[in-house]
């Protein structure tokens, strides 16, 4: 077989592999429904439900329970296997990493997106100028 055909075939295989990988990574975040469907580890983005209970287990400080609404507007109970994050109530959005266990999402990691203090400063300056 000609070397040119081997090299072309190799480049074609690499191109197909990269295309499949790029198409598979369409959205970095799952929903509660998709996480429940396959049972694997997922990242879920959503908003804290402040009107629902938030419970820090007194006997186990690495067990914090709260409710989150995902991007499909599904509200689900979440158990975070860490202490309650500081300023969770002030967060604009939350990204959890974990798995579904029945009707509860068990999260091993959390990232909070808090409001930018620069936005507050900009609005305060705008109010002063008006």
C-alpha atoms as a PDB file:
ATOM      1  CA  UNK A   1       0.000   0.000   0.000  1.00  0.00           C
ATOM      2  CA  UNK A   2       1.216   3.472  -0.838  1.00  0.00           C
ATOM      3  CA  UNK A   3       2.519   5.694   2.006  1.00  0.00           C
ATOM      4  CA  UNK A   4       0.292   8.521   0.795  1.00  0.00           C
ATOM      5  CA  UNK A   5      -2.825   6.399   1.324  1.00  0.00           C
ATOM      6  CA  UNK A   6      -1.675   5.417   4.823  1.00  0.00           C
ATOM      7  CA  UNK A   7      -1.060   9.035   5.838  1.00  0.00           C
ATOM      8  CA  UNK A   8      -4.363  10.178   4.308  1.00  0.00           C
ATOM      9  CA  UNK A   9      -6.199   7.377   6.141  1.00  0.00           C
ATOM     10  CA  UNK A  10      -4.541   8.358   9.421  1.00  0.00           C
ATOM     11  CA  UNK A  11      -5.540  12.016   8.999  1.00  0.00           C
ATOM     12  CA  UNK A  12      -9.079  10.956   8.091  1.00  0.00           C
ATOM     13  CA  UNK A  13      -9.346   8.793  11.230  1.00  0.00           C
ATOM     14  CA  UNK A  14      -8.035  11.605  13.433  1.00  0.00           C
ATOM     15  CA  UNK A  15     -10.471  14.053  11.816  1.00  0.00           C
ATOM     16  CA  UNK A  16     -13.444  11.747  12.400  1.00  0.00           C
ATOM     17  CA  UNK A  17     -12.375  11.181  16.023  1.00  0.00           C
ATOM     18  CA  UNK A  18     -12.105  14.940  16.675  1.00  0.00           C
ATOM     19  CA  UNK A  19     -15.486  15.588  15.022  1.00  0.00           C
ATOM     20  CA  UNK A  20     -17.201  12.955  17.168  1.00  0.00           C
ATOM     21  CA  UNK A  21     -15.605  14.395  20.306  1.00  0.00           C
ATOM     22  CA  UNK A  22     -16.684  17.942  19.426  1.00  0.00           C
ATOM     23  CA  UNK A  23     -20.269  16.901  18.696  1.00  0.00           C
ATOM     24  CA  UNK A  24     -20.490  14.945  21.941  1.00  0.00           C
ATOM     25  CA  UNK A  25     -19.516  17.985  23.998  1.00  0.00           C
ATOM     26  CA  UNK A  26     -22.446  20.140  22.861  1.00  0.00           C
ATOM     27  CA  UNK A  27     -23.565  21.248  26.297  1.00  0.00           C
ATOM     28  CA  UNK A  28     -21.329  20.946  29.328  1.00  0.00           C
ATOM     29  CA  UNK A  29     -24.316  20.691  31.697  1.00  0.00           C
ATOM     30  CA  UNK A  30     -26.904  17.965  32.108  1.00  0.00           C
ATOM     31  CA  UNK A  31     -30.384  18.180  33.609  1.00  0.00           C
ATOM     32  CA  UNK A  32     -31.842  16.138  36.454  1.00  0.00           C
ATOM     33  CA  UNK A  33     -33.820  14.100  33.906  1.00  0.00           C
ATOM     34  CA  UNK A  34     -30.778  13.198  31.818  1.00  0.00           C
ATOM     35  CA  UNK A  35     -28.732  12.438  34.944  1.00  0.00           C
ATOM     36  CA  UNK A  36     -31.455  10.084  36.185  1.00  0.00           C
ATOM     37  CA  UNK A  37     -31.665   8.364  32.803  1.00  0.00           C
ATOM     38  CA  UNK A  38     -28.086   7.090  32.686  1.00  0.00           C
ATOM     39  CA  UNK A  39     -26.994   7.222  36.343  1.00  0.00           C
ATOM     40  CA  UNK A  40     -23.498   8.499  35.542  1.00  0.00           C
ATOM     41  CA  UNK A  41     -21.607  11.446  36.950  1.00  0.00           C
ATOM     42  CA  UNK A  42     -22.859  14.792  35.618  1.00  0.00           C
ATOM     43  CA  UNK A  43     -22.557  18.551  36.016  1.00  0.00           C
ATOM     44  CA  UNK A  44     -25.898  20.260  36.544  1.00  0.00           C
ATOM     45  CA  UNK A  45     -26.421  24.022  36.488  1.00  0.00           C
ATOM     46  CA  UNK A  46     -29.351  25.668  38.198  1.00  0.00           C
ATOM     47  CA  UNK A  47     -30.701  28.118  40.753  1.00  0.00           C
ATOM     48  CA  UNK A  48     -31.117  27.715  44.494  1.00  0.00           C
ATOM     49  CA  UNK A  49     -34.734  27.415  45.629  1.00  0.00           C
ATOM     50  CA  UNK A  50     -34.617  29.847  48.553  1.00  0.00           C
ATOM     51  CA  UNK A  51     -38.230  29.131  49.557  1.00  0.00           C
ATOM     52  CA  UNK A  52     -37.426  25.426  50.164  1.00  0.00           C
ATOM     53  CA  UNK A  53     -35.635  24.088  53.266  1.00  0.00           C
ATOM     54  CA  UNK A  54     -31.838  24.080  53.531  1.00  0.00           C
ATOM     55  CA  UNK A  55     -30.640  21.627  56.169  1.00  0.00           C
ATOM     56  CA  UNK A  56     -27.127  21.296  57.556  1.00  0.00           C
ATOM     57  CA  UNK A  57     -26.859  17.930  59.335  1.00  0.00           C
ATOM     58  CA  UNK A  58     -25.642  18.627  62.881  1.00  0.00           C
ATOM     59  CA  UNK A  59     -24.179  15.138  63.353  1.00  0.00           C
ATOM     60  CA  UNK A  60     -22.424  15.043  59.978  1.00  0.00           C
ATOM     61  CA  UNK A  61     -21.078  18.454  58.893  1.00  0.00           C
ATOM     62  CA  UNK A  62     -20.311  17.043  55.413  1.00  0.00           C
ATOM     63  CA  UNK A  63     -24.026  16.603  54.664  1.00  0.00           C
ATOM     64  CA  UNK A  64     -25.920  19.687  53.468  1.00  0.00           C
ATOM     65  CA  UNK A  65     -29.350  19.372  51.853  1.00  0.00           C
ATOM     66  CA  UNK A  66     -31.134  21.939  49.674  1.00  0.00           C
ATOM     67  CA  UNK A  67     -33.300  22.233  46.538  1.00  0.00           C
ATOM     68  CA  UNK A  68     -32.147  23.297  43.090  1.00  0.00           C
ATOM     69  CA  UNK A  69     -34.076  24.163  39.914  1.00  0.00           C
ATOM     70  CA  UNK A  70     -32.212  23.029  36.787  1.00  0.00           C
ATOM     71  CA  UNK A  71     -32.278  24.564  33.301  1.00  0.00           C
ATOM     72  CA  UNK A  72     -35.436  22.541  32.456  1.00  0.00           C
ATOM     73  CA  UNK A  73     -37.196  24.092  35.511  1.00  0.00           C
ATOM     74  CA  UNK A  74     -37.207  20.757  37.362  1.00  0.00           C
ATOM     75  CA  UNK A  75     -36.838  21.163  41.124  1.00  0.00           C
ATOM     76  CA  UNK A  76     -34.901  18.401  42.851  1.00  0.00           C
ATOM     77  CA  UNK A  77     -33.503  17.769  46.313  1.00  0.00           C
ATOM     78  CA  UNK A  78     -29.712  17.885  46.442  1.00  0.00           C
ATOM     79  CA  UNK A  79     -27.441  16.429  49.100  1.00  0.00           C
ATOM     80  CA  UNK A  80     -24.022  18.057  49.062  1.00  0.00           C
ATOM     81  CA  UNK A  81     -21.290  15.934  50.630  1.00  0.00           C
ATOM     82  CA  UNK A  82     -19.585  19.049  51.999  1.00  0.00           C
ATOM     83  CA  UNK A  83     -20.440  21.652  54.634  1.00  0.00           C
ATOM     84  CA  UNK A  84     -22.861  24.430  53.666  1.00  0.00           C
ATOM     85  CA  UNK A  85     -21.022  26.855  51.355  1.00  0.00           C
ATOM     86  CA  UNK A  86     -20.669  30.388  52.600  1.00  0.00           C
ATOM     87  CA  UNK A  87     -22.988  32.837  50.793  1.00  0.00           C
ATOM     88  CA  UNK A  88     -24.965  30.117  48.976  1.00  0.00           C
ATOM     89  CA  UNK A  89     -28.089  32.253  49.447  1.00  0.00           C
ATOM     90  CA  UNK A  90     -26.487  35.110  47.486  1.00  0.00           C
ATOM     91  CA  UNK A  91     -25.509  32.980  44.482  1.00  0.00           C
ATOM     92  CA  UNK A  92     -26.911  33.780  41.038  1.00  0.00           C
ATOM     93  CA  UNK A  93     -26.413  30.220  39.850  1.00  0.00           C
ATOM     94  CA  UNK A  94     -24.959  26.936  41.068  1.00  0.00           C
ATOM     95  CA  UNK A  95     -23.089  24.174  39.229  1.00  0.00           C
ATOM     96  CA  UNK A  96     -23.100  20.755  40.906  1.00  0.00           C
ATOM     97  CA  UNK A  97     -21.070  17.660  40.088  1.00  0.00           C
ATOM     98  CA  UNK A  98     -22.532  14.338  41.151  1.00  0.00           C
ATOM     99  CA  UNK A  99     -24.991  11.495  40.488  1.00  0.00           C
ATOM    100  CA  UNK A 100     -28.685  10.812  40.881  1.00  0.00           C
ATOM    101  CA  UNK A 101     -29.615   8.391  43.663  1.00  0.00           C
ATOM    102  CA  UNK A 102     -33.327   7.702  43.378  1.00  0.00           C
ATOM    103  CA  UNK A 103     -35.041  11.084  43.520  1.00  0.00           C
ATOM    104  CA  UNK A 104     -32.070  12.863  45.145  1.00  0.00           C
ATOM    105  CA  UNK A 105     -28.998  14.302  43.435  1.00  0.00           C
ATOM    106  CA  UNK A 106     -25.857  13.481  45.454  1.00  0.00           C
ATOM    107  CA  UNK A 107     -23.294  16.213  44.785  1.00  0.00           C
ATOM    108  CA  UNK A 108     -19.610  15.813  45.525  1.00  0.00           C
ATOM    109  CA  UNK A 109     -18.615  19.271  44.293  1.00  0.00           C
ATOM    110  CA  UNK A 110     -20.251  22.700  44.020  1.00  0.00           C
ATOM    111  CA  UNK A 111     -19.404  25.957  42.279  1.00  0.00           C
ATOM    112  CA  UNK A 112     -21.264  29.162  43.127  1.00  0.00           C
ATOM    113  CA  UNK A 113     -21.632  32.069  40.734  1.00  0.00           C
ATOM    114  CA  UNK A 114     -22.192  35.118  42.894  1.00  0.00           C
ATOM    115  CA  UNK A 115     -23.282  38.549  41.693  1.00  0.00           C
ATOM    116  CA  UNK A 116     -20.447  40.758  40.597  1.00  0.00           C
ATOM    117  CA  UNK A 117     -19.668  43.540  43.019  1.00  0.00           C
ATOM    118  CA  UNK A 118     -18.653  45.632  40.007  1.00  0.00           C
ATOM    119  CA  UNK A 119     -22.277  45.604  38.798  1.00  0.00           C
ATOM    120  CA  UNK A 120     -23.345  46.986  42.173  1.00  0.00           C
ATOM    121  CA  UNK A 121     -20.692  49.682  41.976  1.00  0.00           C
ATOM    122  CA  UNK A 122     -21.756  50.605  38.430  1.00  0.00           C
ATOM    123  CA  UNK A 123     -25.409  50.902  39.409  1.00  0.00           C
ATOM    124  CA  UNK A 124     -24.493  52.991  42.463  1.00  0.00           C
ATOM    125  CA  UNK A 125     -22.451  55.366  40.279  1.00  0.00           C
ATOM    126  CA  UNK A 126     -25.295  55.560  37.786  1.00  0.00           C
ATOM    127  CA  UNK A 127     -27.718  56.466  40.578  1.00  0.00           C
ATOM    128  CA  UNK A 128     -25.364  59.202  41.808  1.00  0.00           C
ATOM    129  CA  UNK A 129     -25.101  60.735  38.346  1.00  0.00           C
ATOM    130  CA  UNK A 130     -28.894  60.837  37.858  1.00  0.00           C
END
